[in-house]
Amino acid sequence: MWNFSSGRRRLACACSILAGLSLTACVATTPAPFTQKRVSSDALPPAARSLDVDAASSRYQGLANGMRVYLTRQTDGSGVCLVVVPESDGAAAACSATGAAVTLTVPQGELRFRNDGFGEAKGAGDKVSDYVRYSPVVSGD
C-alpha cells in the first residue's frame, strides 16, 4: 500500500516553503540608494532643511539642469522623497508612501525616481543617477 500521509506532508512542506518565498518579495525593503553609507556630500543644503523630509537620511544624486537632486526618507520612515534644490533660493519635494516611484514636476522639467532603477531604459530622460532621471521642458519655438 501507498503511504499517502507522508507524501501529503512533503507536498504541504514544499507549498509552505514556496509561500514563504513569495511573501518575502512583498515585504518592504530598504530602497537601494539608502543602502550606501551616508557621506558629508549627502547633506541637504539649508534651503531644503525646512521641507517635511528626514534630512538625516538624505543622499545626493547629482545635478539636473543646475538643480541639486537628493533622495530622502519621509519623516515617518515609510517612503521616499525626491528633493530638488535650484541654484536660486528655495527647494521642492515630492514623496511616495510606498517608496517605489516618485515624480516631481518643476518649472524646468520633470524628475522621476524608481527604486529598482532605470537600467538601460530608452527614453527615460537624462540620467541624474541610477535611480533618478530628468526630462527637461521642451519649448514650443
Foldseek 3Di string as FASTA:
>chain_A
DDDVVVVVVVVVVVVVVVVVVVVVVVDQDDQPQQVDDDDPVQADPPLCPVDQFDRVRKGWQADDPQWTWIKGAGPVRQEIKIKIQHPDHHIDIFIDSNNAKTWDADQFWIKMFGSVFDPPDPPPAPGSHRGMHTDGDDDPD
